[in-house]
């Protein structure tokens, strides 16, 4: 007996994008208060990804976060090139982030790199920064 095709399978499906609404983190005040959407949510997502060490927390998948601990003690040239790659790879895991570019690196203090970059999201562009001790 050959199974019959159900009408549900022959109809075209519509893909609906859900809103990017989330709780509002107030990092300076150390609390969560209210809600935020779109560009403000993306700033929080970027902050959380870049401040979560990859493979450290069982609650997150292995795709979430950035791996920085193995950069300690490495040469500056290696750290700069790896930072660019790792930041980009960590952020583009989120499907709302389209690309990351315009990296600049500064070495103001010994063994500390200050990097700025531009994140292109579906809601707009965000200029971000990250300080990494190595």
N, C-alpha and C. Protein backbone atom coordinates (compact mmCIF):
# COMPACT_ATOMS: atom_id res chain seq x y z
N UNK A 1 0.84 -1.17 0.00
CA UNK A 1 0.00 0.00 0.00
C UNK A 1 0.89 1.24 0.00
N UNK A 2 0.65 2.16 -0.89
CA UNK A 2 1.41 3.40 -1.00
C UNK A 2 0.69 4.48 -0.20
N UNK A 3 1.43 5.20 0.66
CA UNK A 3 0.77 6.24 1.46
C UNK A 3 0.29 7.39 0.57
N UNK A 4 -0.81 7.98 0.94
CA UNK A 4 -1.32 9.12 0.18
C UNK A 4 -0.67 10.41 0.67
N UNK A 5 -0.65 11.40 -0.21
CA UNK A 5 -0.04 12.69 0.12
C UNK A 5 -1.09 13.55 0.81
N UNK A 6 -0.71 14.09 1.90
CA UNK A 6 -1.60 14.96 2.66
C UNK A 6 -1.59 16.36 2.05
N UNK A 7 -2.71 17.07 2.13
CA UNK A 7 -2.79 18.43 1.58
C UNK A 7 -1.80 19.38 2.23
N UNK A 8 -1.46 19.14 3.45
CA UNK A 8 -0.52 20.03 4.16
C UNK A 8 0.84 20.02 3.48
N UNK A 9 1.25 18.89 2.97
CA UNK A 9 2.55 18.79 2.33
C UNK A 9 2.61 19.45 0.96
N UNK A 10 1.49 19.60 0.30
CA UNK A 10 1.49 20.18 -1.05
C UNK A 10 1.32 21.70 -1.03
N UNK A 11 0.85 22.26 0.05
CA UNK A 11 0.70 23.71 0.15
C UNK A 11 2.04 24.37 0.42
N UNK A 12 2.17 25.61 -0.05
CA UNK A 12 3.40 26.36 0.22
C UNK A 12 3.39 26.85 1.66
N UNK A 13 4.55 26.80 2.28
CA UNK A 13 4.67 27.23 3.67
C UNK A 13 5.17 28.66 3.72
N UNK A 14 4.66 29.42 4.67
CA UNK A 14 5.14 30.77 4.89
C UNK A 14 6.11 30.76 6.06
N UNK A 15 7.24 31.44 5.87
CA UNK A 15 8.22 31.55 6.95
C UNK A 15 8.01 32.88 7.63
N UNK A 16 7.79 32.83 8.92
CA UNK A 16 7.52 34.04 9.69
C UNK A 16 8.70 34.33 10.60
N UNK A 17 9.18 35.56 10.57
CA UNK A 17 10.27 35.97 11.43
C UNK A 17 9.71 36.52 12.73
N UNK A 18 10.15 35.97 13.83
CA UNK A 18 9.68 36.42 15.14
C UNK A 18 10.42 37.69 15.55
N UNK A 19 9.80 38.52 16.36
CA UNK A 19 10.49 39.74 16.81
C UNK A 19 11.69 39.42 17.69
N UNK A 20 12.66 40.30 17.69
CA UNK A 20 13.87 40.12 18.50
C UNK A 20 13.72 40.83 19.83
N UNK A 21 12.72 40.46 20.57
CA UNK A 21 12.45 41.10 21.86
C UNK A 21 13.13 40.31 22.96
N UNK A 22 13.72 41.02 23.93
CA UNK A 22 14.44 40.35 25.02
C UNK A 22 14.38 41.24 26.26
N UNK A 23 14.77 40.68 27.38
CA UNK A 23 14.87 41.46 28.60
C UNK A 23 16.02 42.45 28.48
N UNK A 24 15.88 43.64 29.07
CA UNK A 24 16.90 44.67 28.98
C UNK A 24 17.90 44.51 30.12
N UNK A 25 19.16 44.25 29.74
CA UNK A 25 20.23 44.14 30.72
C UNK A 25 20.78 45.53 31.02
N UNK A 26 20.85 45.85 32.26
CA UNK A 26 21.49 47.11 32.68
C UNK A 26 22.77 46.71 33.41
N UNK A 27 23.85 46.61 32.62
CA UNK A 27 25.10 46.05 33.10
C UNK A 27 25.72 46.93 34.18
N UNK A 28 25.68 48.25 33.98
CA UNK A 28 26.28 49.16 34.97
C UNK A 28 25.56 49.09 36.31
N UNK A 29 24.22 48.96 36.27
CA UNK A 29 23.43 48.89 37.50
C UNK A 29 23.31 47.46 38.04
N UNK A 30 23.80 46.48 37.26
CA UNK A 30 23.79 45.08 37.67
C UNK A 30 22.37 44.56 37.90
N UNK A 31 21.44 44.91 36.94
CA UNK A 31 20.09 44.39 37.05
C UNK A 31 19.45 44.23 35.68
N UNK A 32 18.28 43.63 35.67
CA UNK A 32 17.48 43.45 34.45
C UNK A 32 16.18 44.18 34.69
N UNK A 33 15.83 45.09 33.74
CA UNK A 33 14.64 45.90 33.93
C UNK A 33 14.03 46.24 32.58
N UNK A 34 12.82 45.78 32.33
CA UNK A 34 12.10 46.11 31.11
C UNK A 34 12.48 45.22 29.94
N UNK A 35 12.13 45.70 28.75
CA UNK A 35 12.38 44.96 27.52
C UNK A 35 13.07 45.86 26.51
N UNK A 36 13.70 45.25 25.53
CA UNK A 36 14.32 45.99 24.43
C UNK A 36 14.11 45.20 23.15
N UNK A 37 14.33 45.87 22.01
CA UNK A 37 14.06 45.25 20.72
C UNK A 37 15.08 45.73 19.69
N UNK A 38 15.23 44.97 18.64
CA UNK A 38 16.03 45.25 17.46
C UNK A 38 17.48 45.64 17.75
N UNK A 39 17.89 46.88 17.49
CA UNK A 39 19.30 47.26 17.58
C UNK A 39 19.82 47.15 19.01
N UNK A 40 19.00 47.50 19.97
CA UNK A 40 19.41 47.40 21.37
C UNK A 40 19.60 45.94 21.79
N UNK A 41 18.76 45.06 21.27
CA UNK A 41 18.92 43.62 21.53
C UNK A 41 20.23 43.13 20.94
N UNK A 42 20.55 43.60 19.73
CA UNK A 42 21.78 43.16 19.08
C UNK A 42 23.02 43.60 19.87
N UNK A 43 22.98 44.79 20.46
CA UNK A 43 24.10 45.23 21.30
C UNK A 43 24.28 44.28 22.48
N UNK A 44 23.17 43.85 23.08
CA UNK A 44 23.23 42.90 24.19
C UNK A 44 23.74 41.54 23.74
N UNK A 45 23.27 41.09 22.57
CA UNK A 45 23.71 39.79 22.05
C UNK A 45 25.22 39.80 21.83
N UNK A 46 25.73 40.86 21.22
CA UNK A 46 27.17 40.98 20.97
C UNK A 46 27.94 41.00 22.28
N UNK A 47 27.46 41.76 23.24
CA UNK A 47 28.11 41.83 24.55
C UNK A 47 28.16 40.44 25.20
N UNK A 48 27.04 39.72 25.18
CA UNK A 48 27.00 38.41 25.82
C UNK A 48 27.88 37.39 25.12
N UNK A 49 27.90 37.41 23.78
CA UNK A 49 28.75 36.46 23.05
C UNK A 49 30.22 36.72 23.33
N UNK A 50 30.63 37.99 23.30
CA UNK A 50 32.04 38.33 23.46
C UNK A 50 32.52 38.25 24.91
N UNK A 51 31.61 38.09 25.84
CA UNK A 51 32.00 37.95 27.25
C UNK A 51 31.70 36.57 27.80
N UNK A 52 31.43 35.61 26.92
CA UNK A 52 31.22 34.23 27.32
C UNK A 52 32.33 33.38 26.72
N UNK A 53 33.11 32.78 27.57
CA UNK A 53 34.20 31.91 27.10
C UNK A 53 33.61 30.62 26.53
N UNK A 54 34.01 30.31 25.32
CA UNK A 54 33.49 29.13 24.62
C UNK A 54 33.88 27.85 25.36
N UNK A 55 33.01 26.87 25.38
CA UNK A 55 33.19 25.55 25.97
C UNK A 55 33.25 25.54 27.50
N UNK A 56 33.00 26.67 28.16
CA UNK A 56 33.12 26.72 29.62
C UNK A 56 31.81 26.42 30.34
N UNK A 57 30.68 26.69 29.70
CA UNK A 57 29.40 26.60 30.38
C UNK A 57 28.50 25.58 29.67
N UNK A 58 28.00 24.62 30.40
CA UNK A 58 27.17 23.57 29.83
C UNK A 58 25.84 24.09 29.30
N UNK A 59 25.38 25.23 29.80
CA UNK A 59 24.10 25.77 29.37
C UNK A 59 24.13 26.23 27.92
N UNK A 60 25.32 26.59 27.39
CA UNK A 60 25.45 27.07 26.02
C UNK A 60 25.96 25.97 25.10
N UNK A 61 25.53 26.03 23.82
CA UNK A 61 26.05 25.07 22.85
C UNK A 61 27.51 25.40 22.56
N UNK A 62 28.21 24.49 21.91
CA UNK A 62 29.61 24.71 21.59
C UNK A 62 29.81 25.79 20.52
N UNK A 63 28.74 26.25 19.89
CA UNK A 63 28.83 27.33 18.91
C UNK A 63 28.77 28.71 19.55
N UNK A 64 28.41 28.78 20.82
CA UNK A 64 28.17 30.07 21.48
C UNK A 64 29.41 30.54 22.24
N UNK A 65 29.74 31.81 22.11
CA UNK A 65 30.84 32.40 22.85
C UNK A 65 32.09 32.55 22.00
N UNK A 66 33.16 32.96 22.66
CA UNK A 66 34.44 33.18 21.99
C UNK A 66 35.54 32.53 22.83
N UNK A 67 36.51 31.99 22.16
CA UNK A 67 37.62 31.30 22.83
C UNK A 67 38.81 32.26 22.93
N UNK A 68 39.14 32.68 24.16
CA UNK A 68 40.22 33.64 24.36
C UNK A 68 41.32 33.14 25.29
N UNK A 69 41.05 32.16 26.11
CA UNK A 69 42.02 31.76 27.13
C UNK A 69 43.32 31.22 26.55
N UNK A 70 43.28 30.61 25.37
CA UNK A 70 44.51 30.06 24.80
C UNK A 70 45.39 31.12 24.13
N UNK A 71 44.98 32.39 24.15
CA UNK A 71 45.79 33.46 23.57
C UNK A 71 46.82 34.01 24.56
N UNK A 72 46.70 33.65 25.84
CA UNK A 72 47.64 34.15 26.85
C UNK A 72 49.06 33.69 26.52
N UNK A 73 49.99 34.64 26.50
CA UNK A 73 51.40 34.33 26.27
C UNK A 73 51.81 34.28 24.81
N UNK A 74 50.88 34.48 23.88
CA UNK A 74 51.20 34.43 22.46
C UNK A 74 51.72 35.79 21.97
N UNK A 75 52.43 35.83 20.84
CA UNK A 75 52.93 37.10 20.28
C UNK A 75 51.78 38.00 19.82
N UNK A 76 52.04 39.29 19.82
CA UNK A 76 51.03 40.29 19.47
C UNK A 76 50.48 40.08 18.07
N UNK A 77 51.33 39.80 17.10
CA UNK A 77 50.87 39.63 15.72
C UNK A 77 49.90 38.45 15.61
N UNK A 78 50.19 37.37 16.32
CA UNK A 78 49.32 36.21 16.30
C UNK A 78 47.98 36.53 16.97
N UNK A 79 48.03 37.23 18.10
CA UNK A 79 46.81 37.55 18.85
C UNK A 79 45.89 38.45 18.01
N UNK A 80 46.45 39.43 17.32
CA UNK A 80 45.63 40.34 16.50
C UNK A 80 44.92 39.58 15.38
N UNK A 81 45.64 38.74 14.67
CA UNK A 81 45.01 38.01 13.57
C UNK A 81 43.98 37.01 14.08
N UNK A 82 44.28 36.35 15.20
CA UNK A 82 43.34 35.40 15.77
C UNK A 82 42.10 36.10 16.33
N UNK A 83 42.29 37.26 16.95
CA UNK A 83 41.14 38.01 17.48
C UNK A 83 40.17 38.36 16.36
N UNK A 84 40.70 38.83 15.25
CA UNK A 84 39.86 39.19 14.12
C UNK A 84 39.04 37.98 13.67
N UNK A 85 39.68 36.85 13.50
CA UNK A 85 39.00 35.63 13.06
C UNK A 85 38.00 35.13 14.09
N UNK A 86 38.41 35.10 15.35
CA UNK A 86 37.55 34.54 16.40
C UNK A 86 36.33 35.41 16.69
N UNK A 87 36.52 36.72 16.69
CA UNK A 87 35.39 37.61 16.89
C UNK A 87 34.38 37.45 15.76
N UNK A 88 34.88 37.42 14.54
CA UNK A 88 33.99 37.25 13.38
C UNK A 88 33.25 35.93 13.45
N UNK A 89 33.96 34.84 13.71
CA UNK A 89 33.31 33.53 13.78
C UNK A 89 32.29 33.44 14.91
N UNK A 90 32.60 34.05 16.05
CA UNK A 90 31.69 34.00 17.19
C UNK A 90 30.40 34.76 16.89
N UNK A 91 30.53 35.92 16.26
CA UNK A 91 29.36 36.75 16.05
C UNK A 91 28.47 36.30 14.90
N UNK A 92 29.05 35.76 13.84
CA UNK A 92 28.21 35.38 12.70
C UNK A 92 27.43 34.09 12.96
N UNK A 93 27.60 33.48 14.12
CA UNK A 93 26.77 32.34 14.49
C UNK A 93 25.31 32.77 14.66
N UNK A 94 25.11 34.04 15.02
CA UNK A 94 23.76 34.59 15.15
C UNK A 94 23.27 34.97 13.76
N UNK A 95 22.12 34.49 13.35
CA UNK A 95 21.63 34.73 11.99
C UNK A 95 21.20 36.17 11.75
N UNK A 96 21.10 36.98 12.78
CA UNK A 96 20.78 38.41 12.61
C UNK A 96 22.01 39.24 12.30
N UNK A 97 23.20 38.66 12.48
CA UNK A 97 24.45 39.36 12.18
C UNK A 97 24.91 38.94 10.80
N UNK A 98 25.08 39.93 9.92
CA UNK A 98 25.45 39.66 8.53
C UNK A 98 26.96 39.59 8.33
N UNK A 99 27.72 40.52 8.93
CA UNK A 99 29.17 40.51 8.77
C UNK A 99 29.82 41.37 9.85
N UNK A 100 31.14 41.21 9.97
CA UNK A 100 31.95 41.98 10.93
C UNK A 100 33.19 42.45 10.18
N UNK A 101 33.50 43.75 10.25
CA UNK A 101 34.68 44.26 9.55
C UNK A 101 35.20 45.54 10.21
N UNK A 102 36.12 46.22 9.52
CA UNK A 102 36.76 47.47 9.99
C UNK A 102 37.44 47.30 11.35
N UNK A 103 38.25 46.28 11.48
CA UNK A 103 38.97 46.03 12.73
C UNK A 103 40.13 47.01 12.87
N UNK A 104 40.29 47.56 14.06
CA UNK A 104 41.48 48.34 14.41
C UNK A 104 41.99 47.80 15.75
N UNK A 105 43.31 47.77 15.90
CA UNK A 105 43.93 47.25 17.11
C UNK A 105 44.87 48.29 17.70
N UNK A 106 44.83 48.43 19.02
CA UNK A 106 45.74 49.32 19.74
C UNK A 106 46.36 48.54 20.89
N UNK A 107 47.65 48.77 21.10
CA UNK A 107 48.37 48.15 22.21
C UNK A 107 48.86 49.27 23.12
N UNK A 108 48.00 49.71 24.05
CA UNK A 108 48.33 50.83 24.94
C UNK A 108 49.05 50.37 26.20
N UNK A 109 48.62 49.26 26.73
CA UNK A 109 49.22 48.71 27.95
C UNK A 109 49.95 47.43 27.58
N UNK A 110 50.94 47.05 28.36
CA UNK A 110 51.63 45.78 28.05
C UNK A 110 50.67 44.60 28.16
N UNK A 111 50.73 43.73 27.16
CA UNK A 111 49.95 42.49 27.11
C UNK A 111 48.43 42.73 27.10
N UNK A 112 47.97 43.87 26.60
CA UNK A 112 46.55 44.17 26.48
C UNK A 112 46.27 44.79 25.12
N UNK A 113 45.34 44.21 24.38
CA UNK A 113 44.96 44.73 23.06
C UNK A 113 43.56 45.30 23.15
N UNK A 114 43.41 46.50 22.63
CA UNK A 114 42.12 47.17 22.54
C UNK A 114 41.71 47.15 21.08
N UNK A 115 40.60 46.50 20.76
CA UNK A 115 40.16 46.39 19.37
C UNK A 115 38.77 46.99 19.18
N UNK A 116 38.59 47.67 18.07
CA UNK A 116 37.29 48.21 17.67
C UNK A 116 36.92 47.58 16.34
N UNK A 117 35.63 47.38 16.12
CA UNK A 117 35.17 46.78 14.88
C UNK A 117 33.72 47.17 14.65
N UNK A 118 33.25 46.95 13.42
CA UNK A 118 31.90 47.29 13.02
C UNK A 118 31.12 46.02 12.74
N UNK A 119 29.95 45.90 13.36
CA UNK A 119 29.09 44.73 13.19
C UNK A 119 27.89 45.15 12.36
N UNK A 120 27.67 44.46 11.25
CA UNK A 120 26.53 44.73 10.37
C UNK A 120 25.43 43.74 10.71
N UNK A 121 24.28 44.26 11.20
CA UNK A 121 23.15 43.41 11.55
C UNK A 121 21.98 43.71 10.62
N UNK A 122 20.93 42.91 10.72
CA UNK A 122 19.75 43.16 9.89
C UNK A 122 19.00 44.41 10.35
N UNK A 123 19.32 44.92 11.54
CA UNK A 123 18.66 46.11 12.06
C UNK A 123 19.49 47.38 11.87
N UNK A 124 20.75 47.24 11.49
CA UNK A 124 21.64 48.38 11.32
C UNK A 124 23.05 48.02 11.75
N UNK A 125 23.93 49.00 11.73
CA UNK A 125 25.34 48.79 12.08
C UNK A 125 25.60 49.19 13.52
N UNK A 126 26.50 48.45 14.16
CA UNK A 126 26.88 48.73 15.55
C UNK A 126 28.39 48.76 15.63
N UNK A 127 28.93 49.81 16.21
CA UNK A 127 30.37 49.90 16.45
C UNK A 127 30.64 49.32 17.83
N UNK A 128 31.49 48.30 17.87
CA UNK A 128 31.78 47.60 19.12
C UNK A 128 33.27 47.65 19.43
N UNK A 129 33.59 47.30 20.66
CA UNK A 129 34.98 47.24 21.10
C UNK A 129 35.17 46.10 22.07
N UNK A 130 36.39 45.62 22.16
CA UNK A 130 36.72 44.51 23.06
C UNK A 130 38.15 44.70 23.54
N UNK A 131 38.37 44.54 24.82
CA UNK A 131 39.70 44.61 25.40
C UNK A 131 40.10 43.20 25.80
N UNK A 132 41.28 42.77 25.32
CA UNK A 132 41.75 41.41 25.58
C UNK A 132 43.14 41.45 26.17
N UNK A 133 43.30 40.82 27.31
CA UNK A 133 44.63 40.66 27.90
C UNK A 133 45.19 39.33 27.44
N UNK A 134 46.47 39.35 27.04
CA UNK A 134 47.05 38.09 26.51
C UNK A 134 48.37 37.78 27.14
